[in-house]
Amino acid sequence: MIRADLHIHTTYSSDASIPPKIIVDQLYAHPFIKAVAITDHNTVEGYYKVRELASAYQDILIIPGVEVSTIEGDLIVLGVAELPPRPWTVENVIDFAWERQALTIAAHPYREYGLGDLTKNYDVDAIEVLNGASQPHVNKLAENLAKEMGLPGVAGSDAHQVNELWTVYTEVQASSDIDEILKAIKKGLIRVASTEKSIHF
């Protein structure tokens, strides 16, 4: 079993200020969250930098990912270290992910830049039901959407600043193998949780 924060931004996102080294240092020091998905906006450069810094440590895992600003709303892709080709429509990004055995997650569906009810029109793999930067009622709407669509619900802090890291996490019934983690998420072998740092108790 592994606990992972599946939505984190670095300084490679134009609206974020978290240095890659801080993520690695804090992940290494964290008592139980030992995996993180780097999901910068429309770039994978942050992932490569974090992975490079993390290579010195044995027991932490960096999952490749990206948060793509599609025409319809934000979509997280986990398991890829490259950008999909444009135009960035939800359907194109889902096709791109499917071809690479990657996962697509509707990010904060009921917040700004989320897909909202449009999510129901697409074949995404999971819904972000616990977003550390979203209000509880917005997360509740996302949770209801996941139930309605019969999809797994994941958690990510959506941290853009250092003090926002590790507020929520996804517990995955898998070893620290990225492919196994992605498969377990898709099968719903997961549970979302808040940490004591979270404002959403």
N, C-alpha and C. Protein backbone atom coordinates (compact mmCIF):
# COMPACT_ATOMS: atom_id res chain seq x y z
N MET A 1 0.83 -1.18 0.00
CA MET A 1 0.00 0.00 0.00
C MET A 1 0.88 1.26 0.00
N ILE A 2 0.46 2.24 -0.79
CA ILE A 2 1.25 3.47 -0.89
C ILE A 2 0.31 4.67 -0.77
N ARG A 3 0.81 5.73 -0.14
CA ARG A 3 0.01 6.96 -0.03
C ARG A 3 0.65 8.02 -0.92
N ALA A 4 -0.19 8.61 -1.78
CA ALA A 4 0.33 9.53 -2.80
C ALA A 4 -0.51 10.81 -2.88
N ASP A 5 0.18 11.92 -3.06
CA ASP A 5 -0.49 13.18 -3.39
C ASP A 5 -0.46 13.25 -4.91
N LEU A 6 -1.63 13.19 -5.54
CA LEU A 6 -1.69 13.02 -6.99
C LEU A 6 -1.85 14.33 -7.78
N HIS A 7 -1.60 15.47 -7.13
CA HIS A 7 -1.81 16.74 -7.86
C HIS A 7 -0.97 17.83 -7.19
N ILE A 8 0.23 18.06 -7.73
CA ILE A 8 1.14 19.06 -7.15
C ILE A 8 1.80 19.86 -8.28
N HIS A 9 1.96 21.17 -8.03
CA HIS A 9 2.61 22.06 -9.00
C HIS A 9 3.96 22.52 -8.49
N THR A 10 4.87 22.79 -9.42
CA THR A 10 6.20 23.30 -9.08
C THR A 10 6.37 24.69 -9.70
N THR A 11 7.54 25.26 -9.52
CA THR A 11 7.85 26.56 -10.13
C THR A 11 7.76 26.52 -11.66
N TYR A 12 7.67 25.32 -12.23
CA TYR A 12 7.52 25.23 -13.69
C TYR A 12 6.09 25.55 -14.14
N SER A 13 5.14 25.62 -13.19
CA SER A 13 3.81 26.15 -13.49
C SER A 13 3.88 27.66 -13.24
N SER A 14 3.36 28.45 -14.17
CA SER A 14 3.52 29.92 -14.07
C SER A 14 2.85 30.50 -12.82
N ASP A 15 1.86 29.79 -12.26
CA ASP A 15 1.15 30.32 -11.09
C ASP A 15 1.58 29.64 -9.77
N ALA A 16 2.69 28.90 -9.79
CA ALA A 16 3.11 28.16 -8.58
C ALA A 16 4.52 28.57 -8.16
N SER A 17 4.81 28.38 -6.86
CA SER A 17 6.10 28.84 -6.33
C SER A 17 6.83 27.76 -5.52
N ILE A 18 6.55 26.48 -5.80
CA ILE A 18 7.18 25.41 -5.02
C ILE A 18 8.43 24.91 -5.75
N PRO A 19 9.63 25.10 -5.17
CA PRO A 19 10.84 24.59 -5.82
C PRO A 19 10.86 23.06 -5.80
N PRO A 20 11.28 22.43 -6.89
CA PRO A 20 11.36 20.97 -6.92
C PRO A 20 12.11 20.37 -5.73
N LYS A 21 13.17 21.01 -5.28
CA LYS A 21 13.96 20.46 -4.17
C LYS A 21 13.13 20.38 -2.88
N ILE A 22 12.27 21.36 -2.66
CA ILE A 22 11.41 21.35 -1.45
C ILE A 22 10.48 20.14 -1.48
N ILE A 23 9.92 19.85 -2.66
CA ILE A 23 9.02 18.70 -2.79
C ILE A 23 9.76 17.42 -2.41
N VAL A 24 10.95 17.24 -2.96
CA VAL A 24 11.74 16.03 -2.69
C VAL A 24 12.11 15.94 -1.20
N ASP A 25 12.61 17.04 -0.64
CA ASP A 25 13.01 17.04 0.77
C ASP A 25 11.83 16.73 1.69
N GLN A 26 10.70 17.38 1.42
CA GLN A 26 9.52 17.18 2.29
C GLN A 26 8.92 15.78 2.11
N LEU A 27 8.95 15.28 0.88
CA LEU A 27 8.42 13.94 0.63
C LEU A 27 9.27 12.90 1.37
N TYR A 28 10.58 13.08 1.30
CA TYR A 28 11.49 12.17 1.99
C TYR A 28 11.25 12.21 3.50
N ALA A 29 11.00 13.41 4.03
CA ALA A 29 10.82 13.57 5.48
C ALA A 29 9.41 13.23 5.96
N HIS A 30 8.45 13.15 5.04
CA HIS A 30 7.06 12.93 5.44
C HIS A 30 6.90 11.56 6.09
N PRO A 31 6.15 11.49 7.20
CA PRO A 31 6.03 10.20 7.89
C PRO A 31 5.32 9.10 7.10
N PHE A 32 4.40 9.47 6.20
CA PHE A 32 3.70 8.38 5.49
C PHE A 32 3.37 8.65 4.02
N ILE A 33 3.34 9.89 3.56
CA ILE A 33 3.14 10.13 2.12
C ILE A 33 4.51 10.00 1.45
N LYS A 34 4.63 9.00 0.58
CA LYS A 34 5.94 8.70 -0.03
C LYS A 34 5.91 8.72 -1.57
N ALA A 35 4.78 9.14 -2.12
CA ALA A 35 4.68 9.23 -3.59
C ALA A 35 3.98 10.53 -3.96
N VAL A 36 4.35 11.06 -5.09
CA VAL A 36 3.75 12.32 -5.55
C VAL A 36 3.66 12.31 -7.07
N ALA A 37 2.57 12.87 -7.58
CA ALA A 37 2.45 13.09 -9.02
C ALA A 37 2.71 14.56 -9.28
N ILE A 38 3.68 14.85 -10.13
CA ILE A 38 3.97 16.23 -10.51
C ILE A 38 3.08 16.55 -11.71
N THR A 39 2.16 17.50 -11.51
CA THR A 39 1.15 17.79 -12.53
C THR A 39 1.15 19.28 -12.85
N ASP A 40 2.25 19.75 -13.38
CA ASP A 40 2.33 21.16 -13.74
C ASP A 40 1.38 21.47 -14.89
N HIS A 41 1.05 22.77 -15.01
CA HIS A 41 0.16 23.20 -16.09
C HIS A 41 0.89 23.16 -17.44
N ASN A 42 0.45 22.25 -18.29
CA ASN A 42 0.89 22.23 -19.69
C ASN A 42 2.40 22.11 -19.90
N THR A 43 3.09 21.49 -18.93
CA THR A 43 4.52 21.23 -19.09
C THR A 43 4.91 20.02 -18.23
N VAL A 44 5.92 19.28 -18.69
CA VAL A 44 6.43 18.15 -17.91
C VAL A 44 7.85 18.43 -17.40
N GLU A 45 8.31 19.65 -17.59
CA GLU A 45 9.69 19.99 -17.16
C GLU A 45 9.87 19.83 -15.65
N GLY A 46 8.87 20.22 -14.90
CA GLY A 46 8.95 20.10 -13.44
C GLY A 46 9.09 18.65 -13.00
N TYR A 47 8.36 17.76 -13.68
CA TYR A 47 8.47 16.33 -13.36
C TYR A 47 9.91 15.86 -13.52
N TYR A 48 10.53 16.21 -14.65
CA TYR A 48 11.90 15.73 -14.90
C TYR A 48 12.87 16.26 -13.85
N LYS A 49 12.67 17.51 -13.42
CA LYS A 49 13.55 18.10 -12.41
C LYS A 49 13.37 17.40 -11.07
N VAL A 50 12.10 17.17 -10.68
CA VAL A 50 11.82 16.51 -9.39
C VAL A 50 12.37 15.08 -9.42
N ARG A 51 12.15 14.39 -10.52
CA ARG A 51 12.63 13.00 -10.64
C ARG A 51 14.15 12.93 -10.51
N GLU A 52 14.82 13.89 -11.15
CA GLU A 52 16.29 13.93 -11.09
C GLU A 52 16.77 14.12 -9.64
N LEU A 53 16.13 15.05 -8.92
CA LEU A 53 16.51 15.30 -7.53
C LEU A 53 16.16 14.12 -6.62
N ALA A 54 15.06 13.44 -6.95
CA ALA A 54 14.59 12.32 -6.11
C ALA A 54 15.40 11.05 -6.32
N SER A 55 16.18 10.99 -7.39
CA SER A 55 16.91 9.76 -7.71
C SER A 55 17.92 9.38 -6.62
N ALA A 56 18.26 10.34 -5.78
CA ALA A 56 19.21 10.07 -4.68
C ALA A 56 18.55 9.33 -3.51
N TYR A 57 17.23 9.24 -3.53
CA TYR A 57 16.50 8.62 -2.40
C TYR A 57 15.83 7.33 -2.83
N GLN A 58 15.89 6.34 -1.96
CA GLN A 58 15.32 5.02 -2.27
C GLN A 58 13.80 4.95 -2.14
N ASP A 59 13.29 5.50 -1.03
CA ASP A 59 11.91 5.15 -0.67
C ASP A 59 10.86 6.18 -1.06
N ILE A 60 11.17 7.05 -2.04
CA ILE A 60 10.12 7.96 -2.52
C ILE A 60 9.91 7.74 -4.01
N LEU A 61 8.67 8.00 -4.44
CA LEU A 61 8.29 7.71 -5.82
C LEU A 61 7.73 8.97 -6.47
N ILE A 62 8.21 9.28 -7.66
CA ILE A 62 7.72 10.44 -8.41
C ILE A 62 6.95 9.91 -9.63
N ILE A 63 5.68 10.22 -9.67
CA ILE A 63 4.80 9.75 -10.75
C ILE A 63 4.74 10.84 -11.83
N PRO A 64 5.00 10.47 -13.09
CA PRO A 64 4.92 11.49 -14.13
C PRO A 64 3.47 11.90 -14.38
N GLY A 65 3.29 13.18 -14.69
CA GLY A 65 1.94 13.65 -14.98
C GLY A 65 1.95 15.07 -15.53
N VAL A 66 0.77 15.54 -15.89
CA VAL A 66 0.61 16.90 -16.40
C VAL A 66 -0.86 17.28 -16.23
N GLU A 67 -1.09 18.55 -15.94
CA GLU A 67 -2.47 19.07 -15.93
C GLU A 67 -2.64 19.87 -17.21
N VAL A 68 -3.45 19.32 -18.11
CA VAL A 68 -3.61 19.94 -19.43
C VAL A 68 -4.82 20.87 -19.40
N SER A 69 -4.60 22.10 -19.86
CA SER A 69 -5.70 23.07 -19.95
C SER A 69 -6.41 22.84 -21.29
N THR A 70 -7.36 21.91 -21.28
CA THR A 70 -8.08 21.65 -22.54
C THR A 70 -9.08 22.78 -22.78
N ILE A 71 -9.60 22.80 -23.98
CA ILE A 71 -10.58 23.82 -24.36
C ILE A 71 -11.80 23.76 -23.43
N GLU A 72 -12.14 22.54 -22.99
CA GLU A 72 -13.36 22.36 -22.17
C GLU A 72 -13.10 22.50 -20.67
N GLY A 73 -11.86 22.27 -20.24
CA GLY A 73 -11.56 22.34 -18.80
C GLY A 73 -10.30 21.53 -18.49
N ASP A 74 -9.87 21.59 -17.24
CA ASP A 74 -8.60 20.94 -16.85
C ASP A 74 -8.72 19.43 -16.74
N LEU A 75 -7.70 18.76 -17.26
CA LEU A 75 -7.64 17.31 -17.23
C LEU A 75 -6.24 16.89 -16.80
N ILE A 76 -6.15 16.05 -15.78
CA ILE A 76 -4.85 15.53 -15.34
C ILE A 76 -4.58 14.22 -16.08
N VAL A 77 -3.37 14.09 -16.59
CA VAL A 77 -2.94 12.82 -17.18
C VAL A 77 -1.81 12.28 -16.31
N LEU A 78 -1.96 11.07 -15.81
CA LEU A 78 -0.92 10.43 -15.00
C LEU A 78 -0.29 9.29 -15.78
N GLY A 79 1.04 9.19 -15.70
CA GLY A 79 1.73 8.08 -16.36
C GLY A 79 2.38 8.47 -17.66
N VAL A 80 2.39 9.76 -17.98
CA VAL A 80 3.09 10.22 -19.18
C VAL A 80 4.08 11.32 -18.81
N ALA A 81 5.18 11.36 -19.53
CA ALA A 81 6.19 12.41 -19.31
C ALA A 81 6.39 13.20 -20.59
N GLU A 82 5.29 13.36 -21.32
CA GLU A 82 5.31 14.16 -22.55
C GLU A 82 3.95 14.82 -22.69
N LEU A 83 3.90 15.88 -23.47
CA LEU A 83 2.64 16.59 -23.68
C LEU A 83 1.88 15.98 -24.85
N PRO A 84 0.54 15.96 -24.74
CA PRO A 84 -0.23 15.52 -25.91
C PRO A 84 -0.12 16.54 -27.03
N PRO A 85 -0.29 16.11 -28.26
CA PRO A 85 -0.25 17.08 -29.36
C PRO A 85 -1.50 17.98 -29.32
N ARG A 86 -1.36 19.18 -29.81
CA ARG A 86 -2.52 20.07 -29.91
C ARG A 86 -3.35 19.68 -31.13
N PRO A 87 -4.60 20.09 -31.19
CA PRO A 87 -5.34 20.90 -30.23
C PRO A 87 -5.70 20.10 -28.96
N TRP A 88 -5.68 20.80 -27.84
CA TRP A 88 -5.98 20.14 -26.57
C TRP A 88 -7.47 20.14 -26.30
N THR A 89 -8.15 19.16 -26.86
CA THR A 89 -9.55 18.92 -26.51
C THR A 89 -9.56 17.74 -25.55
N VAL A 90 -10.63 17.60 -24.79
CA VAL A 90 -10.71 16.48 -23.85
C VAL A 90 -10.57 15.16 -24.59
N GLU A 91 -11.28 15.03 -25.71
CA GLU A 91 -11.24 13.77 -26.46
C GLU A 91 -9.83 13.45 -26.97
N ASN A 92 -9.14 14.45 -27.48
CA ASN A 92 -7.77 14.24 -27.98
C ASN A 92 -6.83 13.80 -26.86
N VAL A 93 -6.97 14.45 -25.70
CA VAL A 93 -6.09 14.12 -24.57
C VAL A 93 -6.40 12.72 -24.05
N ILE A 94 -7.67 12.37 -23.99
CA ILE A 94 -8.05 11.01 -23.55
C ILE A 94 -7.49 9.96 -24.52
N ASP A 95 -7.59 10.22 -25.81
CA ASP A 95 -7.05 9.28 -26.81
C ASP A 95 -5.53 9.13 -26.64
N PHE A 96 -4.87 10.25 -26.45
CA PHE A 96 -3.42 10.26 -26.23
C PHE A 96 -3.05 9.41 -25.01
N ALA A 97 -3.79 9.59 -23.93
CA ALA A 97 -3.51 8.84 -22.70
C ALA A 97 -3.80 7.35 -22.89
N TRP A 98 -4.89 7.05 -23.55
CA TRP A 98 -5.30 5.65 -23.76
C TRP A 98 -4.24 4.89 -24.54
N GLU A 99 -3.69 5.55 -25.56
CA GLU A 99 -2.66 4.91 -26.39
C GLU A 99 -1.39 4.59 -25.60
N ARG A 100 -1.21 5.29 -24.48
CA ARG A 100 0.01 5.11 -23.67
C ARG A 100 -0.27 4.42 -22.33
N GLN A 101 -1.43 3.83 -22.20
CA GLN A 101 -1.84 3.19 -20.92
C GLN A 101 -1.73 4.16 -19.75
N ALA A 102 -1.97 5.42 -20.03
CA ALA A 102 -1.95 6.45 -18.98
C ALA A 102 -3.38 6.66 -18.46
N LEU A 103 -3.50 7.41 -17.37
CA LEU A 103 -4.81 7.66 -16.74
C LEU A 103 -5.23 9.10 -16.96
N THR A 104 -6.53 9.30 -17.16
CA THR A 104 -7.07 10.66 -17.23
C THR A 104 -7.98 10.90 -16.03
N ILE A 105 -7.79 12.05 -15.40
CA ILE A 105 -8.56 12.40 -14.20
C ILE A 105 -9.18 13.78 -14.41
N ALA A 106 -10.49 13.88 -14.18
CA ALA A 106 -11.15 15.19 -14.23
C ALA A 106 -10.74 15.96 -12.98
N ALA A 107 -9.93 17.01 -13.16
CA ALA A 107 -9.42 17.79 -12.03
C ALA A 107 -10.50 18.75 -11.52
N HIS A 108 -10.62 18.84 -10.20
CA HIS A 108 -11.58 19.77 -9.54
C HIS A 108 -12.74 20.13 -10.47
N PRO A 109 -13.61 19.15 -10.79
CA PRO A 109 -14.61 19.38 -11.84
C PRO A 109 -15.53 20.57 -11.60
N TYR A 110 -15.82 20.89 -10.34
CA TYR A 110 -16.80 21.96 -10.10
C TYR A 110 -16.18 23.27 -9.60
N ARG A 111 -14.88 23.42 -9.87
CA ARG A 111 -14.22 24.68 -9.56
C ARG A 111 -13.88 25.37 -10.87
N GLU A 112 -13.36 26.58 -10.79
CA GLU A 112 -12.94 27.29 -11.99
C GLU A 112 -12.00 26.42 -12.82
N TYR A 113 -12.21 26.41 -14.11
CA TYR A 113 -11.44 25.62 -15.07
C TYR A 113 -11.72 24.11 -14.98
N GLY A 114 -12.71 23.72 -14.20
CA GLY A 114 -13.09 22.31 -14.15
C GLY A 114 -14.05 21.98 -15.28
N LEU A 115 -14.23 20.71 -15.55
CA LEU A 115 -15.12 20.28 -16.64
C LEU A 115 -16.59 20.34 -16.25
N GLY A 116 -16.86 20.32 -14.93
CA GLY A 116 -18.24 20.34 -14.47
C GLY A 116 -19.04 19.15 -14.98
N ASP A 117 -20.31 19.39 -15.30
CA ASP A 117 -21.18 18.30 -15.77
C ASP A 117 -20.75 17.76 -17.12
N LEU A 118 -19.93 18.52 -17.85
CA LEU A 118 -19.43 18.03 -19.15
C LEU A 118 -18.64 16.73 -18.99
N THR A 119 -18.10 16.51 -17.77
CA THR A 119 -17.32 15.29 -17.50
C THR A 119 -18.09 14.04 -17.93
N LYS A 120 -19.41 14.10 -17.75
CA LYS A 120 -20.26 12.92 -18.04
C LYS A 120 -20.20 12.52 -19.51
N ASN A 121 -19.77 13.44 -20.36
CA ASN A 121 -19.71 13.15 -21.81
C ASN A 121 -18.43 12.43 -22.22
N TYR A 122 -17.50 12.28 -21.26
CA TYR A 122 -16.18 11.76 -21.63
C TYR A 122 -15.82 10.50 -20.85
N ASP A 123 -14.93 9.74 -21.46
CA ASP A 123 -14.51 8.46 -20.90
C ASP A 123 -13.25 8.63 -20.04
N VAL A 124 -13.37 9.45 -18.98
CA VAL A 124 -12.21 9.63 -18.09
C VAL A 124 -12.08 8.42 -17.17
N ASP A 125 -10.91 8.26 -16.57
CA ASP A 125 -10.66 7.09 -15.71
C ASP A 125 -11.02 7.32 -14.26
N ALA A 126 -10.97 8.59 -13.83
CA ALA A 126 -11.23 8.90 -12.41
C ALA A 126 -11.63 10.36 -12.27
N ILE A 127 -12.18 10.66 -11.10
CA ILE A 127 -12.59 12.03 -10.76
C ILE A 127 -11.80 12.46 -9.54
N GLU A 128 -11.31 13.71 -9.55
CA GLU A 128 -10.66 14.24 -8.35
C GLU A 128 -11.77 14.68 -7.38
N VAL A 129 -12.00 13.88 -6.35
CA VAL A 129 -13.10 14.14 -5.42
C VAL A 129 -12.66 14.87 -4.16
N LEU A 130 -11.35 14.87 -3.91
CA LEU A 130 -10.82 15.58 -2.75
C LEU A 130 -9.64 16.42 -3.22
N ASN A 131 -9.92 17.70 -3.48
CA ASN A 131 -8.90 18.62 -3.95
C ASN A 131 -8.58 19.57 -2.80
N GLY A 132 -7.31 19.61 -2.41
CA GLY A 132 -6.92 20.38 -1.23
C GLY A 132 -7.17 21.87 -1.33
N ALA A 133 -7.34 22.37 -2.55
CA ALA A 133 -7.56 23.81 -2.74
C ALA A 133 -9.04 24.15 -2.96
N SER A 134 -9.90 23.14 -2.91
CA SER A 134 -11.33 23.37 -3.15
C SER A 134 -12.11 23.37 -1.85
N GLN A 135 -13.21 24.10 -1.85
CA GLN A 135 -14.10 24.13 -0.69
C GLN A 135 -14.80 22.78 -0.53
N PRO A 136 -15.18 22.41 0.69
CA PRO A 136 -15.83 21.10 0.92
C PRO A 136 -17.06 20.85 0.05
N HIS A 137 -17.91 21.88 -0.14
CA HIS A 137 -19.13 21.64 -0.93
C HIS A 137 -18.80 21.35 -2.40
N VAL A 138 -17.69 21.92 -2.89
CA VAL A 138 -17.26 21.68 -4.28
C VAL A 138 -16.71 20.25 -4.41
N ASN A 139 -15.96 19.83 -3.40
CA ASN A 139 -15.48 18.45 -3.39
C ASN A 139 -16.64 17.46 -3.30
N LYS A 140 -17.68 17.85 -2.56
CA LYS A 140 -18.86 16.96 -2.41
C LYS A 140 -19.54 16.76 -3.75
N LEU A 141 -19.65 17.84 -4.52
CA LEU A 141 -20.24 17.73 -5.87
C LEU A 141 -19.42 16.77 -6.73
N ALA A 142 -18.10 16.86 -6.61
CA ALA A 142 -17.21 15.97 -7.38
C ALA A 142 -17.39 14.52 -6.94
N GLU A 143 -17.55 14.35 -5.63
CA GLU A 143 -17.77 12.99 -5.09
C GLU A 143 -19.07 12.40 -5.65
N ASN A 144 -20.11 13.22 -5.68
CA ASN A 144 -21.40 12.76 -6.23
C ASN A 144 -21.28 12.41 -7.71
N LEU A 145 -20.49 13.20 -8.43
CA LEU A 145 -20.28 12.93 -9.86
C LEU A 145 -19.59 11.58 -10.06
N ALA A 146 -18.57 11.31 -9.23
CA ALA A 146 -17.84 10.03 -9.34
C ALA A 146 -18.79 8.86 -9.09
N LYS A 147 -19.66 9.01 -8.09
CA LYS A 147 -20.64 7.94 -7.79
C LYS A 147 -21.60 7.75 -8.95
N GLU A 148 -22.08 8.87 -9.48
CA GLU A 148 -23.03 8.81 -10.61
C GLU A 148 -22.41 8.14 -11.83
N MET A 149 -21.12 8.42 -12.07
CA MET A 149 -20.44 7.86 -13.25
C MET A 149 -19.82 6.49 -12.97
N GLY A 150 -19.86 6.07 -11.70
CA GLY A 150 -19.26 4.77 -11.33
C GLY A 150 -17.75 4.77 -11.48
N LEU A 151 -17.13 5.90 -11.15
CA LEU A 151 -15.68 6.04 -11.34
C LEU A 151 -14.96 6.18 -10.00
N PRO A 152 -13.69 5.79 -9.94
CA PRO A 152 -12.91 5.98 -8.72
C PRO A 152 -12.72 7.48 -8.44
N GLY A 153 -12.63 7.81 -7.16
CA GLY A 153 -12.37 9.19 -6.76
C GLY A 153 -10.99 9.30 -6.14
N VAL A 154 -10.19 10.25 -6.63
CA VAL A 154 -8.82 10.42 -6.12
C VAL A 154 -8.67 11.74 -5.39
N ALA A 155 -7.54 11.87 -4.68
CA ALA A 155 -7.26 13.09 -3.92
C ALA A 155 -5.91 13.66 -4.31
N GLY A 156 -5.84 15.00 -4.35
CA GLY A 156 -4.58 15.69 -4.58
C GLY A 156 -4.63 17.06 -3.93
N SER A 157 -3.50 17.49 -3.39
CA SER A 157 -3.49 18.78 -2.69
C SER A 157 -3.69 19.96 -3.64
N ASP A 158 -3.29 19.80 -4.92
CA ASP A 158 -3.32 20.90 -5.88
C ASP A 158 -2.46 22.06 -5.35
N ALA A 159 -1.39 21.69 -4.65
CA ALA A 159 -0.52 22.69 -4.03
C ALA A 159 0.17 23.55 -5.08
N HIS A 160 0.11 24.87 -4.86
CA HIS A 160 0.84 25.83 -5.69
C HIS A 160 1.90 26.56 -4.85
N GLN A 161 1.72 26.51 -3.51
CA GLN A 161 2.68 27.12 -2.59
C GLN A 161 3.10 26.07 -1.57
N VAL A 162 4.27 26.25 -0.98
CA VAL A 162 4.84 25.24 -0.08
C VAL A 162 3.89 24.88 1.06
N ASN A 163 3.21 25.89 1.63
CA ASN A 163 2.33 25.60 2.78
C ASN A 163 1.08 24.82 2.40
N GLU A 164 0.86 24.59 1.11
CA GLU A 164 -0.32 23.83 0.66
C GLU A 164 -0.01 22.35 0.41
N LEU A 165 1.25 21.97 0.52
CA LEU A 165 1.64 20.58 0.25
C LEU A 165 1.05 19.62 1.29
N TRP A 166 0.75 18.39 0.84
CA TRP A 166 0.41 17.24 1.71
C TRP A 166 -0.86 17.42 2.54
N THR A 167 -1.82 18.20 2.05
CA THR A 167 -3.06 18.37 2.82
C THR A 167 -3.98 17.17 2.68
N VAL A 168 -3.94 16.55 1.51
CA VAL A 168 -4.78 15.37 1.25
C VAL A 168 -3.95 14.34 0.50
N TYR A 169 -4.42 13.11 0.46
CA TYR A 169 -3.67 12.08 -0.27
C TYR A 169 -4.60 10.95 -0.69
N THR A 170 -4.09 10.14 -1.59
CA THR A 170 -4.81 8.95 -2.06
C THR A 170 -4.04 7.73 -1.57
N GLU A 171 -4.76 6.85 -0.91
CA GLU A 171 -4.17 5.59 -0.45
C GLU A 171 -4.42 4.56 -1.54
N VAL A 172 -3.35 4.00 -2.09
CA VAL A 172 -3.47 3.09 -3.23
C VAL A 172 -3.01 1.69 -2.82
N GLN A 173 -3.84 0.69 -3.11
CA GLN A 173 -3.48 -0.70 -2.80
C GLN A 173 -2.54 -1.23 -3.88
N ALA A 174 -1.29 -0.80 -3.79
CA ALA A 174 -0.30 -1.20 -4.79
C ALA A 174 1.09 -1.03 -4.18
N SER A 175 2.06 -1.63 -4.85
CA SER A 175 3.46 -1.43 -4.43
C SER A 175 3.94 -0.11 -5.04
N SER A 176 5.21 0.20 -4.86
CA SER A 176 5.71 1.46 -5.41
C SER A 176 6.16 1.29 -6.85
N ASP A 177 5.31 0.68 -7.64
CA ASP A 177 5.55 0.52 -9.07
C ASP A 177 4.51 1.36 -9.80
N ILE A 178 4.97 2.27 -10.66
CA ILE A 178 4.04 3.24 -11.26
C ILE A 178 2.92 2.55 -12.04
N ASP A 179 3.25 1.55 -12.86
CA ASP A 179 2.21 0.85 -13.63
C ASP A 179 1.17 0.21 -12.72
N GLU A 180 1.66 -0.39 -11.64
CA GLU A 180 0.76 -1.05 -10.69
C GLU A 180 -0.15 -0.02 -10.01
N ILE A 181 0.42 1.14 -9.68
CA ILE A 181 -0.36 2.21 -9.06
C ILE A 181 -1.45 2.70 -10.00
N LEU A 182 -1.11 2.91 -11.25
CA LEU A 182 -2.10 3.39 -12.23
C LEU A 182 -3.22 2.37 -12.42
N LYS A 183 -2.86 1.10 -12.48
CA LYS A 183 -3.88 0.04 -12.63
C LYS A 183 -4.79 -0.01 -11.41
N ALA A 184 -4.19 0.12 -10.21
CA ALA A 184 -4.97 0.07 -8.97
C ALA A 184 -5.94 1.25 -8.89
N ILE A 185 -5.49 2.42 -9.33
CA ILE A 185 -6.38 3.59 -9.33
C ILE A 185 -7.56 3.33 -10.27
N LYS A 186 -7.26 2.83 -11.45
CA LYS A 186 -8.31 2.57 -12.44
C LYS A 186 -9.33 1.55 -11.92
N LYS A 187 -8.84 0.57 -11.17
CA LYS A 187 -9.74 -0.46 -10.61
C LYS A 187 -10.48 0.03 -9.37
N GLY A 188 -10.10 1.20 -8.88
CA GLY A 188 -10.77 1.72 -7.68
C GLY A 188 -10.23 1.16 -6.38
N LEU A 189 -9.01 0.62 -6.41
CA LEU A 189 -8.40 0.06 -5.18
C LEU A 189 -7.72 1.18 -4.41
N ILE A 190 -8.54 2.18 -4.07
CA ILE A 190 -8.01 3.41 -3.47
C ILE A 190 -8.97 3.96 -2.42
N ARG A 191 -8.43 4.85 -1.61
CA ARG A 191 -9.23 5.55 -0.61
C ARG A 191 -8.63 6.95 -0.48
N VAL A 192 -9.49 7.97 -0.35
CA VAL A 192 -8.98 9.33 -0.20
C VAL A 192 -9.02 9.74 1.26
N ALA A 193 -8.09 10.60 1.65
CA ALA A 193 -8.02 11.02 3.05
C ALA A 193 -7.40 12.41 3.15
N SER A 194 -7.76 13.09 4.25
CA SER A 194 -7.15 14.38 4.58
C SER A 194 -6.10 14.16 5.66
N THR A 195 -5.08 15.00 5.69
CA THR A 195 -4.10 14.95 6.76
C THR A 195 -4.50 15.96 7.83
N GLU A 196 -3.77 15.98 8.92
CA GLU A 196 -4.06 16.95 9.98
C GLU A 196 -3.80 18.38 9.50
N LYS A 197 -3.02 18.49 8.42
CA LYS A 197 -2.71 19.80 7.85
C LYS A 197 -3.89 20.37 7.07
N SER A 198 -4.84 19.51 6.72
CA SER A 198 -5.91 19.93 5.84
C SER A 198 -6.90 20.85 6.54
N ILE A 199 -7.45 21.79 5.77
CA ILE A 199 -8.50 22.66 6.32
C ILE A 199 -9.87 21.98 6.22
N HIS A 200 -9.94 20.89 5.46
CA HIS A 200 -11.22 20.23 5.23
C HIS A 200 -11.34 18.97 6.08
N PHE A 201 -11.74 19.14 7.30
CA PHE A 201 -11.87 17.96 8.18
C PHE A 201 -13.18 17.24 7.93
